[in-house]
Structures are given as structure tokens and as C-alpha cells.
Amino acid sequence: LHDCKVAQAMGVQCLLVAHGHHSPE
């Protein structure tokens, strides 16, 4: 989720991969 927040602050687009530290849900 933090990567999403960082992307928003930067004004860039974001793609999240569900094999890491946060669940897909």
C-alpha cells in the first residue's frame, strides 16, 4: 500500500504485484 501512496505523492502511475509483503486483497 505504501508504494501506492508514494506513487500518488510523486504523481506517477502505479502497478502492484501481489507476491510480496501485502496480500492481494
PDB file of all heavy atoms in Angstrom:
ATOM      1  N   LEU A   1       0.825  -1.192   0.000  1.00  0.00           N
ATOM      2  CA  LEU A   1       0.000   0.000   0.000  1.00  0.00           C
ATOM      3  C   LEU A   1       0.868   1.255   0.000  1.00  0.00           C
ATOM      4  O   LEU A   1       0.513   2.275  -0.598  1.00  0.00           O
ATOM      5  CB  LEU A   1      -0.904   0.022   1.246  1.00  0.00           C
ATOM      6  CG  LEU A   1      -1.805  -1.186   1.515  1.00  0.00           C
ATOM      7  CD1 LEU A   1      -2.708  -0.900   2.714  1.00  0.00           C
ATOM      8  CD2 LEU A   1      -2.647  -1.532   0.296  1.00  0.00           C
ATOM      9  N   HIS A   2       1.997   1.174   0.680  1.00  0.00           N
ATOM     10  CA  HIS A   2       2.894   2.324   0.750  1.00  0.00           C
ATOM     11  C   HIS A   2       3.404   2.704  -0.627  1.00  0.00           C
ATOM     12  O   HIS A   2       3.555   3.902  -0.931  1.00  0.00           O
ATOM     13  CB  HIS A   2       4.061   2.008   1.681  1.00  0.00           C
ATOM     14  CG  HIS A   2       4.938   3.187   1.966  1.00  0.00           C
ATOM     15  ND1 HIS A   2       4.460   4.351   2.520  1.00  0.00           N
ATOM     16  CD2 HIS A   2       6.274   3.379   1.764  1.00  0.00           C
ATOM     17  CE1 HIS A   2       5.462   5.219   2.661  1.00  0.00           C
ATOM     18  NE2 HIS A   2       6.569   4.652   2.209  1.00  0.00           N
ATOM     19  N   ASP A   3       3.664   1.723  -1.477  1.00  0.00           N
ATOM     20  CA  ASP A   3       4.112   2.025  -2.834  1.00  0.00           C
ATOM     21  C   ASP A   3       3.039   2.811  -3.592  1.00  0.00           C
ATOM     22  O   ASP A   3       3.362   3.722  -4.360  1.00  0.00           O
ATOM     23  CB  ASP A   3       4.461   0.742  -3.586  1.00  0.00           C
ATOM     24  CG  ASP A   3       5.722   0.090  -3.052  1.00  0.00           C
ATOM     25  OD1 ASP A   3       6.713   0.816  -2.837  1.00  0.00           O
ATOM     26  OD2 ASP A   3       5.718  -1.131  -2.839  1.00  0.00           O
ATOM     27  N   CYS A   4       1.790   2.467  -3.372  1.00  0.00           N
ATOM     28  CA  CYS A   4       0.695   3.215  -3.996  1.00  0.00           C
ATOM     29  C   CYS A   4       0.689   4.662  -3.509  1.00  0.00           C
ATOM     30  O   CYS A   4       0.549   5.600  -4.298  1.00  0.00           O
ATOM     31  CB  CYS A   4      -0.637   2.537  -3.686  1.00  0.00           C
ATOM     32  SG  CYS A   4      -2.081   3.402  -4.350  1.00  0.00           S
ATOM     33  N   LYS A   5       0.862   4.857  -2.198  1.00  0.00           N
ATOM     34  CA  LYS A   5       0.886   6.212  -1.626  1.00  0.00           C
ATOM     35  C   LYS A   5       2.072   7.012  -2.157  1.00  0.00           C
ATOM     36  O   LYS A   5       1.954   8.209  -2.449  1.00  0.00           O
ATOM     37  CB  LYS A   5       0.938   6.132  -0.102  1.00  0.00           C
ATOM     38  CG  LYS A   5      -0.318   5.562   0.534  1.00  0.00           C
ATOM     39  CD  LYS A   5      -0.160   5.438   2.045  1.00  0.00           C
ATOM     40  CE  LYS A   5      -1.392   4.813   2.682  1.00  0.00           C
ATOM     41  NZ  LYS A   5      -1.213   4.619   4.148  1.00  0.00           N
ATOM     42  N   VAL A   6       3.205   6.353  -2.271  1.00  0.00           N
ATOM     43  CA  VAL A   6       4.393   7.022  -2.801  1.00  0.00           C
ATOM     44  C   VAL A   6       4.156   7.455  -4.246  1.00  0.00           C
ATOM     45  O   VAL A   6       4.490   8.575  -4.639  1.00  0.00           O
ATOM     46  CB  VAL A   6       5.620   6.094  -2.699  1.00  0.00           C
ATOM     47  CG1 VAL A   6       6.810   6.677  -3.467  1.00  0.00           C
ATOM     48  CG2 VAL A   6       5.998   5.871  -1.241  1.00  0.00           C
ATOM     49  N   ALA A   7       3.579   6.568  -5.040  1.00  0.00           N
ATOM     50  CA  ALA A   7       3.291   6.894  -6.441  1.00  0.00           C
ATOM     51  C   ALA A   7       2.350   8.090  -6.541  1.00  0.00           C
ATOM     52  O   ALA A   7       2.539   8.984  -7.379  1.00  0.00           O
ATOM     53  CB  ALA A   7       2.692   5.677  -7.143  1.00  0.00           C
ATOM     54  N   GLN A   8       1.335   8.110  -5.692  1.00  0.00           N
ATOM     55  CA  GLN A   8       0.395   9.234  -5.702  1.00  0.00           C
ATOM     56  C   GLN A   8       1.102  10.541  -5.370  1.00  0.00           C
ATOM     57  O   GLN A   8       0.869  11.574  -6.002  1.00  0.00           O
ATOM     58  CB  GLN A   8      -0.732   8.966  -4.712  1.00  0.00           C
ATOM     59  CG  GLN A   8      -1.670   7.854  -5.150  1.00  0.00           C
ATOM     60  CD  GLN A   8      -2.668   7.457  -4.067  1.00  0.00           C
ATOM     61  OE1 GLN A   8      -2.514   7.802  -2.898  1.00  0.00           O
ATOM     62  NE2 GLN A   8      -3.689   6.709  -4.452  1.00  0.00           N
ATOM     63  N   ALA A   9       1.983  10.512  -4.352  1.00  0.00           N
ATOM     64  CA  ALA A   9       2.713  11.719  -3.966  1.00  0.00           C
ATOM     65  C   ALA A   9       3.640  12.196  -5.090  1.00  0.00           C
ATOM     66  O   ALA A   9       3.844  13.404  -5.259  1.00  0.00           O
ATOM     67  CB  ALA A   9       3.518  11.451  -2.701  1.00  0.00           C
ATOM     68  N   MET A  10       4.179  11.246  -5.840  1.00  0.00           N
ATOM     69  CA  MET A  10       5.081  11.587  -6.933  1.00  0.00           C
ATOM     70  C   MET A  10       4.335  12.017  -8.192  1.00  0.00           C
ATOM     71  O   MET A  10       4.928  12.615  -9.090  1.00  0.00           O
ATOM     72  CB  MET A  10       5.962  10.378  -7.268  1.00  0.00           C
ATOM     73  CG  MET A  10       6.928   9.977  -6.168  1.00  0.00           C
ATOM     74  SD  MET A  10       7.803   8.424  -6.563  1.00  0.00           S
ATOM     75  CE  MET A  10       8.737   8.920  -8.014  1.00  0.00           C
ATOM     76  N   GLY A  11       3.049  11.667  -8.280  1.00  0.00           N
ATOM     77  CA  GLY A  11       2.276  11.964  -9.475  1.00  0.00           C
ATOM     78  C   GLY A  11       2.513  10.994 -10.601  1.00  0.00           C
ATOM     79  O   GLY A  11       2.213  11.291 -11.767  1.00  0.00           O
ATOM     80  N   VAL A  12       3.043   9.795 -10.270  1.00  0.00           N
ATOM     81  CA  VAL A  12       3.318   8.782 -11.287  1.00  0.00           C
ATOM     82  C   VAL A  12       2.262   7.682 -11.227  1.00  0.00           C
ATOM     83  O   VAL A  12       1.484   7.597 -10.288  1.00  0.00           O
ATOM     84  CB  VAL A  12       4.729   8.175 -11.095  1.00  0.00           C
ATOM     85  CG1 VAL A  12       5.785   9.267 -11.071  1.00  0.00           C
ATOM     86  CG2 VAL A  12       4.810   7.341  -9.814  1.00  0.00           C
ATOM     87  N   GLN A  13       2.253   6.846 -12.250  1.00  0.00           N
ATOM     88  CA  GLN A  13       1.334   5.720 -12.274  1.00  0.00           C
ATOM     89  C   GLN A  13       1.893   4.577 -11.423  1.00  0.00           C
ATOM     90  O   GLN A  13       3.092   4.539 -11.131  1.00  0.00           O
ATOM     91  CB  GLN A  13       1.103   5.267 -13.709  1.00  0.00           C
ATOM     92  CG  GLN A  13       0.424   6.350 -14.553  1.00  0.00           C
ATOM     93  CD  GLN A  13       0.139   5.873 -15.948  1.00  0.00           C
ATOM     94  OE1 GLN A  13      -0.678   4.974 -16.162  1.00  0.00           O
ATOM     95  NE2 GLN A  13       0.821   6.456 -16.926  1.00  0.00           N
ATOM     96  N   CYS A  14       1.012   3.649 -11.050  1.00  0.00           N
ATOM     97  CA  CYS A  14       1.422   2.578 -10.136  1.00  0.00           C
ATOM     98  C   CYS A  14       0.820   1.250 -10.552  1.00  0.00           C
ATOM     99  O   CYS A  14      -0.362   1.165 -10.897  1.00  0.00           O
ATOM    100  CB  CYS A  14       0.982   2.919  -8.709  1.00  0.00           C
ATOM    101  SG  CYS A  14       1.550   1.742  -7.453  1.00  0.00           S
ATOM    102  N   LEU A  15       1.641   0.221 -10.508  1.00  0.00           N
ATOM    103  CA  LEU A  15       1.224  -1.160 -10.705  1.00  0.00           C
ATOM    104  C   LEU A  15       1.694  -1.951  -9.495  1.00  0.00           C
ATOM    105  O   LEU A  15       2.848  -1.826  -9.081  1.00  0.00           O
ATOM    106  CB  LEU A  15       1.842  -1.736 -11.977  1.00  0.00           C
ATOM    107  CG  LEU A  15       1.627  -3.232 -12.233  1.00  0.00           C
ATOM    108  CD1 LEU A  15       0.152  -3.538 -12.478  1.00  0.00           C
ATOM    109  CD2 LEU A  15       2.482  -3.706 -13.413  1.00  0.00           C
ATOM    110  N   LEU A  16       0.812  -2.757  -8.909  1.00  0.00           N
ATOM    111  CA  LEU A  16       1.151  -3.515  -7.711  1.00  0.00           C
ATOM    112  C   LEU A  16       1.206  -5.012  -8.022  1.00  0.00           C
ATOM    113  O   LEU A  16       0.358  -5.534  -8.752  1.00  0.00           O
ATOM    114  CB  LEU A  16       0.130  -3.248  -6.608  1.00  0.00           C
ATOM    115  CG  LEU A  16       0.069  -1.788  -6.134  1.00  0.00           C
ATOM    116  CD1 LEU A  16      -1.086  -1.594  -5.163  1.00  0.00           C
ATOM    117  CD2 LEU A  16       1.391  -1.370  -5.497  1.00  0.00           C
ATOM    118  N   VAL A  17       2.208  -5.675  -7.451  1.00  0.00           N
ATOM    119  CA  VAL A  17       2.410  -7.110  -7.653  1.00  0.00           C
ATOM    120  C   VAL A  17       2.070  -7.824  -6.350  1.00  0.00           C
ATOM    121  O   VAL A  17       2.601  -7.494  -5.290  1.00  0.00           O
ATOM    122  CB  VAL A  17       3.863  -7.420  -8.067  1.00  0.00           C
ATOM    123  CG1 VAL A  17       3.979  -8.865  -8.528  1.00  0.00           C
ATOM    124  CG2 VAL A  17       4.328  -6.473  -9.159  1.00  0.00           C
ATOM    125  N   ALA A  18       1.198  -8.842  -6.437  1.00  0.00           N
ATOM    126  CA  ALA A  18       0.627  -9.459  -5.229  1.00  0.00           C
ATOM    127  C   ALA A  18       1.398 -10.672  -4.736  1.00  0.00           C
ATOM    128  O   ALA A  18       0.827 -11.565  -4.119  1.00  0.00           O
ATOM    129  CB  ALA A  18      -0.833  -9.840  -5.486  1.00  0.00           C
ATOM    130  N   HIS A  19       2.711 -10.701  -4.963  1.00  0.00           N
ATOM    131  CA  HIS A  19       3.506 -11.840  -4.478  1.00  0.00           C
ATOM    132  C   HIS A  19       4.468 -11.419  -3.370  1.00  0.00           C
ATOM    133  O   HIS A  19       5.390 -12.174  -3.044  1.00  0.00           O
ATOM    134  CB  HIS A  19       4.270 -12.499  -5.631  1.00  0.00           C
ATOM    135  CG  HIS A  19       5.248 -11.595  -6.335  1.00  0.00           C
ATOM    136  ND1 HIS A  19       5.753 -11.874  -7.580  1.00  0.00           N
ATOM    137  CD2 HIS A  19       5.807 -10.395  -5.973  1.00  0.00           C
ATOM    138  CE1 HIS A  19       6.593 -10.915  -7.939  1.00  0.00           C
ATOM    139  NE2 HIS A  19       6.645 -10.017  -6.975  1.00  0.00           N
ATOM    140  N   GLY A  20       4.259 -10.229  -2.797  1.00  0.00           N
ATOM    141  CA  GLY A  20       5.221  -9.700  -1.847  1.00  0.00           C
ATOM    142  C   GLY A  20       4.701  -9.538  -0.440  1.00  0.00           C
ATOM    143  O   GLY A  20       4.068 -10.438   0.116  1.00  0.00           O
ATOM    144  N   HIS A  21       4.908  -8.355   0.133  1.00  0.00           N
ATOM    145  CA  HIS A  21       4.677  -8.130   1.559  1.00  0.00           C
ATOM    146  C   HIS A  21       3.237  -7.799   1.918  1.00  0.00           C
ATOM    147  O   HIS A  21       2.903  -7.793   3.110  1.00  0.00           O
ATOM    148  CB  HIS A  21       5.614  -7.028   2.066  1.00  0.00           C
ATOM    149  CG  HIS A  21       7.051  -7.446   2.082  1.00  0.00           C
ATOM    150  ND1 HIS A  21       7.637  -8.059   3.168  1.00  0.00           N
ATOM    151  CD2 HIS A  21       8.014  -7.387   1.121  1.00  0.00           C
ATOM    152  CE1 HIS A  21       8.904  -8.337   2.892  1.00  0.00           C
ATOM    153  NE2 HIS A  21       9.155  -7.948   1.656  1.00  0.00           N
ATOM    154  N   HIS A  22       2.389  -7.516   0.946  1.00  0.00           N
ATOM    155  CA  HIS A  22       0.967  -7.286   1.220  1.00  0.00           C
ATOM    156  C   HIS A  22       0.117  -8.257   0.415  1.00  0.00           C
ATOM    157  O   HIS A  22       0.470  -8.646  -0.702  1.00  0.00           O
ATOM    158  CB  HIS A  22       0.571  -5.848   0.885  1.00  0.00           C
ATOM    159  CG  HIS A  22       0.971  -4.867   1.942  1.00  0.00           C
ATOM    160  ND1 HIS A  22       0.788  -3.517   1.811  1.00  0.00           N
ATOM    161  CD2 HIS A  22       1.546  -5.037   3.163  1.00  0.00           C
ATOM    162  CE1 HIS A  22       1.230  -2.890   2.900  1.00  0.00           C
ATOM    163  NE2 HIS A  22       1.696  -3.807   3.730  1.00  0.00           N
ATOM    164  N   SER A  23      -1.017  -8.618   0.979  1.00  0.00           N
ATOM    165  CA  SER A  23      -1.905  -9.592   0.348  1.00  0.00           C
ATOM    166  C   SER A  23      -2.600  -8.994  -0.878  1.00  0.00           C
ATOM    167  O   SER A  23      -2.747  -7.771  -0.979  1.00  0.00           O
ATOM    168  CB  SER A  23      -2.970 -10.055   1.346  1.00  0.00           C
ATOM    169  OG  SER A  23      -3.872  -8.989   1.625  1.00  0.00           O
ATOM    170  N   PRO A  24      -3.041  -9.845  -1.807  1.00  0.00           N
ATOM    171  CA  PRO A  24      -3.769  -9.347  -2.972  1.00  0.00           C
ATOM    172  C   PRO A  24      -5.000  -8.535  -2.593  1.00  0.00           C
ATOM    173  O   PRO A  24      -5.304  -7.525  -3.235  1.00  0.00           O
ATOM    174  CB  PRO A  24      -4.161 -10.635  -3.718  1.00  0.00           C
ATOM    175  CG  PRO A  24      -3.173 -11.650  -3.285  1.00  0.00           C
ATOM    176  CD  PRO A  24      -2.838 -11.313  -1.861  1.00  0.00           C
ATOM    177  N   GLU A  25      -5.709  -8.960  -1.548  1.00  0.00           N
ATOM    178  CA  GLU A  25      -6.933  -8.264  -1.135  1.00  0.00           C
ATOM    179  C   GLU A  25      -6.630  -6.835  -0.707  1.00  0.00           C
ATOM    180  O   GLU A  25      -7.357  -5.901  -1.072  1.00  0.00           O
ATOM    181  CB  GLU A  25      -7.616  -9.025   0.003  1.00  0.00           C
ATOM    182  CG  GLU A  25      -8.169 -10.389  -0.384  1.00  0.00           C
ATOM    183  CD  GLU A  25      -7.091 -11.454  -0.547  1.00  0.00           C
ATOM    184  OE1 GLU A  25      -5.967 -11.261  -0.012  1.00  0.00           O
ATOM    185  OE2 GLU A  25      -7.365 -12.474  -1.222  1.00  0.00           O
TER     186      GLU A  25
END
